[in-house]
Amino acid sequence: MSQAKKFVRKFKDIKTLPHVVTNLSRLIADEDSTMKDFEEVIKMDPILVVRLLRLVNSPFYGLSQRVDSIGRAVAYLGMKNLHNLAVTDALKNIFQEQGQSQAFARKQLWLHCAAVSICAKMIAERIFGSNGDDAYLCGILHDFGLIVESQIDPKNFIAVCEACGDGRSIIIHEQEHMGTDHCEIGHLLTLDWEMPGSIQEAIRNHHLEEGSYEPDSLTGIIQIAEYITGQLGYTALTDVVPELPEHLVSHMQVNMDEYKVLIEDLPEEMRNAQDLYGG
C-alpha cells in the first residue's frame, strides 16, 4: 500500500464527507439522474437545505428573484452548481476545525482555496469561454490533501510548512518528510468521492512545473488561479507564492489585457462570495 493510500485510509476513519455530498457526486456522474433525484437527496438533510437556500440567494449568484425551494434552486443553478455548494459547505466545516501553528492555519488555507475556486471559475468563463463549474469545484478541492496531512501526521506536516520558503517546491518537502504529497492524497480522495476525471487529474497535477497540458485545461486554470491569488496575498502558506510554468506565463502575457480586467474584478467577486466561504 502506498504512503498516500495509508494517509487516506487513516483520515477516512476520522472524517468523511457527509453522505449527502457523496450521494450527490454519484448522481452527477450518472447520466441517467434527474433533477428530481438530486432534489430528493438534498431534502434528506434539512440543515443543508437551509444553508443552500441562503447561499443561492447571496450576492454571489445575483438572482433577480428570490429562490425559496430546492426544486427552484436546481432549476435556476443546475445540478452541478448545487453539488458544488454542498461540497463547499461540507469542506468549510472541516477546514475551520482546530489545528494550526505559526507555520500553518486552516483558516488561511480555506481562504486560499476559496479565492482559487472563484478565480478559476472567472478564468474558465472569461478567458476561455467555458463553463466554470468544474474549475470552481477543483479550486475548492485542490489543496485538501494538506488538511489530511495536518491531521494524520501533524509533526512532519509542520516541519514541511516551516521548511517551505527555501525556494524548493512544497512537493519536495512533503516527499522528504512524509513519503507522499498533498497532490497524491487529494487525487485519491477525489477518486473515492467519485469526482469527475478532469478534476482528479488537475488535483494530481496542479504542482507540475512542465508538461503538455494546455492553459485552458483544469490543470492550467488552477495553476494560473493559484498564481494570481498568491500575488494578492491569498496563499496556502505564509509567504509561499507559487511559481508559474513558462508556457502559462507566455499565455498570460499574450492575454494580459483580459487578465488585467479579471484581476481588477476579483476583489469584488470575493466580497460577493463571502456568504459562500465565510470570509
Foldseek 3Di string as FASTA:
>chain_A
DALLVVLLVVVVVPDDFDPLLLVLLVLVVDPPHDLVNNQVSQVVDVVSFVLLLVQLPFLLPPDPDRDDGSSVSCVVPNSLVSSLLSVLVRVLVLLPDDFADPWAHSVLLLLLLQQLLLQLQCCLCQVVNHHSSLLNSLSNQLQCLLSSCCVPPVVLSSVLSVPPPPPDDSQVSCCVRRVGDSLSNSLVSCVVSNHDPLSSVLSNCLQPQDDDDDCNRSSNSSVVSQQLVVVVPSHRTPPHRHDHHPVSVVVCVVVVVSVVVSSVCSVVSCVSCCSSNVD
